[in-house]
Amino acid sequence: MAGSGPALAAVTCTVNSVSLPFGTYNDASASPTNVSTTFTISCCRTGAGGNTVVTVSANNGLNSGTANPRAMKNPANTDLMNYSLSTVSFGGAVWGNGSNGGSVFSTTINVNRTCASGNRNTASPTVFGQIPALQAVSATLPLQPYTDTVTMTVSP
């Protein structure tokens, strides 16, 4: 005779859009450029609450085929500047998608709020960005910011 366990509640999670501005890069500096910011994971469920493991993966960005290194592009030309992302520390384990470079970020959130209530449980992890030192960059005028877009995917 087959038994059945308790019904599992569906968990819904989202992650907010974040910006990680590196500021002005000094290509003559022997020190890497480090910046950090936080992002917010928000979750709710359709039934009874409890601890839920949530993972957030980050793709390789628009300008690189790998998570290590990723690359920012100068829109005025084809120049690229390498950088890395980590959820551990500056220069720490590379944050990626687990299959094409880097590891996914994982955290446990006690999701005890229902989606119907309009309230969500949140976590606010830090993302660390680092540009390695001594990269030759374009000095073409007018100076343009190097950019990249990395897509985060959240899974409860």
C-alpha atoms as a PDB file:
ATOM      1  CA  MET A   1       0.000   0.000   0.000  1.00  0.00           C
ATOM      2  CA  ALA A   2       1.500   3.299  -1.059  1.00  0.00           C
ATOM      3  CA  GLY A   3       1.506   6.158   1.392  1.00  0.00           C
ATOM      4  CA  SER A   4       1.525   9.830   0.742  1.00  0.00           C
ATOM      5  CA  GLY A   5       3.448  12.581   2.452  1.00  0.00           C
ATOM      6  CA  PRO A   6       2.354  16.083   3.265  1.00  0.00           C
ATOM      7  CA  ALA A   7       1.535  18.355   0.356  1.00  0.00           C
ATOM      8  CA  LEU A   8       4.312  20.758  -0.501  1.00  0.00           C
ATOM      9  CA  ALA A   9       3.551  24.428  -0.916  1.00  0.00           C
ATOM     10  CA  ALA A  10       4.747  26.125  -4.088  1.00  0.00           C
ATOM     11  CA  VAL A  11       7.436  28.717  -3.463  1.00  0.00           C
ATOM     12  CA  THR A  12       7.803  31.785  -5.677  1.00  0.00           C
ATOM     13  CA  CYS A  13      11.002  33.842  -5.567  1.00  0.00           C
ATOM     14  CA  THR A  14      12.241  36.911  -7.405  1.00  0.00           C
ATOM     15  CA  VAL A  15      15.522  38.793  -7.405  1.00  0.00           C
ATOM     16  CA  ASN A  16      15.789  42.544  -7.889  1.00  0.00           C
ATOM     17  CA  SER A  17      17.801  44.256 -10.608  1.00  0.00           C
ATOM     18  CA  VAL A  18      21.096  45.646  -9.347  1.00  0.00           C
ATOM     19  CA  SER A  19      23.844  47.873 -10.656  1.00  0.00           C
ATOM     20  CA  LEU A  20      27.513  47.457  -9.809  1.00  0.00           C
ATOM     21  CA  PRO A  21      29.287  50.659 -10.908  1.00  0.00           C
ATOM     22  CA  PHE A  22      33.065  50.223 -10.808  1.00  0.00           C
ATOM     23  CA  GLY A  23      33.755  53.941 -11.181  1.00  0.00           C
ATOM     24  CA  THR A  24      36.926  55.213 -12.819  1.00  0.00           C
ATOM     25  CA  TYR A  25      39.524  52.536 -13.577  1.00  0.00           C
ATOM     26  CA  ASN A  26      43.233  53.395 -13.286  1.00  0.00           C
ATOM     27  CA  ASP A  27      45.054  51.107 -15.722  1.00  0.00           C
ATOM     28  CA  ALA A  28      48.428  52.045 -14.200  1.00  0.00           C
ATOM     29  CA  SER A  29      47.474  50.931 -10.685  1.00  0.00           C
ATOM     30  CA  ALA A  30      48.995  47.680  -9.403  1.00  0.00           C
ATOM     31  CA  SER A  31      45.879  47.128  -7.260  1.00  0.00           C
ATOM     32  CA  PRO A  32      42.622  45.626  -8.506  1.00  0.00           C
ATOM     33  CA  THR A  33      39.459  47.721  -8.484  1.00  0.00           C
ATOM     34  CA  ASN A  34      36.950  46.329  -5.972  1.00  0.00           C
ATOM     35  CA  VAL A  35      33.283  47.277  -5.502  1.00  0.00           C
ATOM     36  CA  SER A  36      30.342  45.570  -3.847  1.00  0.00           C
ATOM     37  CA  THR A  37      26.586  45.892  -3.551  1.00  0.00           C
ATOM     38  CA  THR A  38      23.688  43.838  -2.270  1.00  0.00           C
ATOM     39  CA  PHE A  39      20.774  42.314  -4.113  1.00  0.00           C
ATOM     40  CA  THR A  40      17.474  41.173  -2.636  1.00  0.00           C
ATOM     41  CA  ILE A  41      15.861  37.765  -2.987  1.00  0.00           C
ATOM     42  CA  SER A  42      12.126  37.889  -2.156  1.00  0.00           C
ATOM     43  CA  CYS A  43      10.071  34.726  -1.635  1.00  0.00           C
ATOM     44  CA  CYS A  44       6.532  33.724  -0.707  1.00  0.00           C
ATOM     45  CA  ARG A  45       4.587  30.458  -0.754  1.00  0.00           C
ATOM     46  CA  THR A  46       1.091  29.236  -1.455  1.00  0.00           C
ATOM     47  CA  GLY A  47       0.759  27.078   1.670  1.00  0.00           C
ATOM     48  CA  ALA A  48       2.460  26.240   4.962  1.00  0.00           C
ATOM     49  CA  GLY A  49       5.868  27.808   5.533  1.00  0.00           C
ATOM     50  CA  GLY A  50       9.293  26.468   6.259  1.00  0.00           C
ATOM     51  CA  ASN A  51      12.938  26.656   5.314  1.00  0.00           C
ATOM     52  CA  THR A  52      13.572  26.730   1.576  1.00  0.00           C
ATOM     53  CA  VAL A  53      16.934  26.496  -0.163  1.00  0.00           C
ATOM     54  CA  VAL A  54      17.096  29.195  -2.814  1.00  0.00           C
ATOM     55  CA  THR A  55      19.777  29.332  -5.512  1.00  0.00           C
ATOM     56  CA  VAL A  56      20.711  32.295  -7.668  1.00  0.00           C
ATOM     57  CA  SER A  57      22.819  31.713 -10.760  1.00  0.00           C
ATOM     58  CA  ALA A  58      24.502  34.367 -12.892  1.00  0.00           C
ATOM     59  CA  ASN A  59      25.091  33.953 -16.606  1.00  0.00           C
ATOM     60  CA  ASN A  60      28.362  34.877 -18.344  1.00  0.00           C
ATOM     61  CA  GLY A  61      27.179  38.311 -19.429  1.00  0.00           C
ATOM     62  CA  LEU A  62      26.904  39.670 -22.960  1.00  0.00           C
ATOM     63  CA  ASN A  63      30.610  39.869 -23.822  1.00  0.00           C
ATOM     64  CA  SER A  64      32.172  36.610 -22.642  1.00  0.00           C
ATOM     65  CA  GLY A  65      31.723  32.890 -23.176  1.00  0.00           C
ATOM     66  CA  THR A  66      32.696  32.107 -19.600  1.00  0.00           C
ATOM     67  CA  ALA A  67      32.101  33.364 -16.073  1.00  0.00           C
ATOM     68  CA  ASN A  68      35.846  33.635 -15.417  1.00  0.00           C
ATOM     69  CA  PRO A  69      36.688  36.150 -16.610  1.00  0.00           C
ATOM     70  CA  ARG A  70      33.619  38.039 -17.677  1.00  0.00           C
ATOM     71  CA  ALA A  71      34.180  41.070 -19.898  1.00  0.00           C
ATOM     72  CA  MET A  72      32.819  44.609 -20.089  1.00  0.00           C
ATOM     73  CA  LYS A  73      32.763  46.255 -23.509  1.00  0.00           C
ATOM     74  CA  ASN A  74      33.530  49.813 -24.518  1.00  0.00           C
ATOM     75  CA  PRO A  75      30.592  50.896 -26.729  1.00  0.00           C
ATOM     76  CA  ALA A  76      32.833  53.261 -28.750  1.00  0.00           C
ATOM     77  CA  ASN A  77      34.988  50.388 -30.071  1.00  0.00           C
ATOM     78  CA  THR A  78      35.595  46.682 -29.515  1.00  0.00           C
ATOM     79  CA  ASP A  79      37.824  46.996 -26.427  1.00  0.00           C
ATOM     80  CA  LEU A  80      37.063  44.592 -23.584  1.00  0.00           C
ATOM     81  CA  MET A  81      37.953  44.823 -19.879  1.00  0.00           C
ATOM     82  CA  ASN A  82      37.966  41.655 -17.775  1.00  0.00           C
ATOM     83  CA  TYR A  83      36.211  41.472 -14.420  1.00  0.00           C
ATOM     84  CA  SER A  84      34.882  38.873 -12.002  1.00  0.00           C
ATOM     85  CA  LEU A  85      31.866  38.494  -9.725  1.00  0.00           C
ATOM     86  CA  SER A  86      31.746  36.581  -6.455  1.00  0.00           C
ATOM     87  CA  THR A  87      29.243  36.136  -3.633  1.00  0.00           C
ATOM     88  CA  VAL A  88      32.038  35.167  -1.227  1.00  0.00           C
ATOM     89  CA  SER A  89      34.679  37.929  -1.267  1.00  0.00           C
ATOM     90  CA  PHE A  90      36.737  40.126  -3.576  1.00  0.00           C
ATOM     91  CA  GLY A  91      38.647  37.722  -5.808  1.00  0.00           C
ATOM     92  CA  GLY A  92      36.793  34.789  -4.188  1.00  0.00           C
ATOM     93  CA  ALA A  93      35.032  31.864  -5.831  1.00  0.00           C
ATOM     94  CA  VAL A  94      33.521  33.008  -9.123  1.00  0.00           C
ATOM     95  CA  TRP A  95      29.739  33.360  -9.218  1.00  0.00           C
ATOM     96  CA  GLY A  96      28.237  31.686 -12.259  1.00  0.00           C
ATOM     97  CA  ASN A  97      25.676  29.147 -13.359  1.00  0.00           C
ATOM     98  CA  GLY A  98      27.409  25.981 -12.179  1.00  0.00           C
ATOM     99  CA  SER A  99      27.900  24.554 -15.658  1.00  0.00           C
ATOM    100  CA  ASN A 100      29.710  27.100 -17.818  1.00  0.00           C
ATOM    101  CA  GLY A 101      31.980  28.511 -15.163  1.00  0.00           C
ATOM    102  CA  GLY A 102      31.547  29.524 -11.567  1.00  0.00           C
ATOM    103  CA  SER A 103      29.281  28.309  -8.799  1.00  0.00           C
ATOM    104  CA  VAL A 104      25.670  29.177  -8.044  1.00  0.00           C
ATOM    105  CA  PHE A 105      24.860  31.145  -4.897  1.00  0.00           C
ATOM    106  CA  SER A 106      22.754  29.229  -2.395  1.00  0.00           C
ATOM    107  CA  THR A 107      21.011  30.366   0.781  1.00  0.00           C
ATOM    108  CA  THR A 108      18.248  29.115   3.052  1.00  0.00           C
ATOM    109  CA  ILE A 109      15.251  31.407   3.603  1.00  0.00           C
ATOM    110  CA  ASN A 110      12.489  30.688   6.106  1.00  0.00           C
ATOM    111  CA  VAL A 111       9.573  31.288   3.750  1.00  0.00           C
ATOM    112  CA  ASN A 112       6.574  31.542   6.024  1.00  0.00           C
ATOM    113  CA  ARG A 113       4.667  34.322   4.277  1.00  0.00           C
ATOM    114  CA  THR A 114       1.964  33.550   1.779  1.00  0.00           C
ATOM    115  CA  CYS A 115       1.847  35.168  -1.637  1.00  0.00           C
ATOM    116  CA  ALA A 116      -1.824  36.038  -1.066  1.00  0.00           C
ATOM    117  CA  SER A 117      -0.866  38.244   1.899  1.00  0.00           C
ATOM    118  CA  GLY A 118       1.327  40.408  -0.329  1.00  0.00           C
ATOM    119  CA  ASN A 119       4.213  39.991   2.098  1.00  0.00           C
ATOM    120  CA  ARG A 120       7.507  38.236   1.291  1.00  0.00           C
ATOM    121  CA  ASN A 121      10.485  36.855   3.173  1.00  0.00           C
ATOM    122  CA  THR A 122      13.788  38.274   1.959  1.00  0.00           C
ATOM    123  CA  ALA A 123      17.530  37.766   1.997  1.00  0.00           C
ATOM    124  CA  SER A 124      20.076  40.380   0.917  1.00  0.00           C
ATOM    125  CA  PRO A 125      23.374  38.770  -0.078  1.00  0.00           C
ATOM    126  CA  THR A 126      26.399  40.763  -1.226  1.00  0.00           C
ATOM    127  CA  VAL A 127      27.940  40.539  -4.682  1.00  0.00           C
ATOM    128  CA  PHE A 128      31.623  41.452  -4.963  1.00  0.00           C
ATOM    129  CA  GLY A 129      33.023  42.773  -8.242  1.00  0.00           C
ATOM    130  CA  GLN A 130      36.690  42.942  -9.122  1.00  0.00           C
ATOM    131  CA  ILE A 131      38.589  44.323 -12.123  1.00  0.00           C
ATOM    132  CA  PRO A 132      42.129  42.910 -12.229  1.00  0.00           C
ATOM    133  CA  ALA A 133      44.985  45.411 -12.118  1.00  0.00           C
ATOM    134  CA  LEU A 134      47.048  46.667 -15.050  1.00  0.00           C
ATOM    135  CA  GLN A 135      44.600  46.097 -17.911  1.00  0.00           C
ATOM    136  CA  ALA A 136      45.224  48.303 -20.926  1.00  0.00           C
ATOM    137  CA  VAL A 137      42.032  50.215 -21.674  1.00  0.00           C
ATOM    138  CA  SER A 138      40.951  52.501 -24.480  1.00  0.00           C
ATOM    139  CA  ALA A 139      41.587  56.211 -24.168  1.00  0.00           C
ATOM    140  CA  THR A 140      39.497  57.028 -27.249  1.00  0.00           C
ATOM    141  CA  LEU A 141      37.687  60.343 -26.823  1.00  0.00           C
ATOM    142  CA  PRO A 142      35.002  60.833 -25.836  1.00  0.00           C
ATOM    143  CA  LEU A 143      35.596  58.381 -23.009  1.00  0.00           C
ATOM    144  CA  GLN A 144      32.817  55.813 -22.738  1.00  0.00           C
ATOM    145  CA  PRO A 145      31.944  53.554 -19.802  1.00  0.00           C
ATOM    146  CA  TYR A 146      32.662  49.852 -20.225  1.00  0.00           C
ATOM    147  CA  THR A 147      29.465  47.876 -19.631  1.00  0.00           C
ATOM    148  CA  ASP A 148      28.087  44.376 -19.419  1.00  0.00           C
ATOM    149  CA  THR A 149      24.729  42.860 -18.535  1.00  0.00           C
ATOM    150  CA  VAL A 150      24.600  39.729 -16.376  1.00  0.00           C
ATOM    151  CA  THR A 151      21.278  37.933 -15.952  1.00  0.00           C
ATOM    152  CA  MET A 152      20.484  36.355 -12.581  1.00  0.00           C
ATOM    153  CA  THR A 153      18.140  33.367 -12.340  1.00  0.00           C
ATOM    154  CA  VAL A 154      16.520  32.436  -9.025  1.00  0.00           C
ATOM    155  CA  SER A 155      15.222  28.956  -8.210  1.00  0.00           C
ATOM    156  CA  PRO A 156      13.509  27.932  -4.968  1.00  0.00           C
END
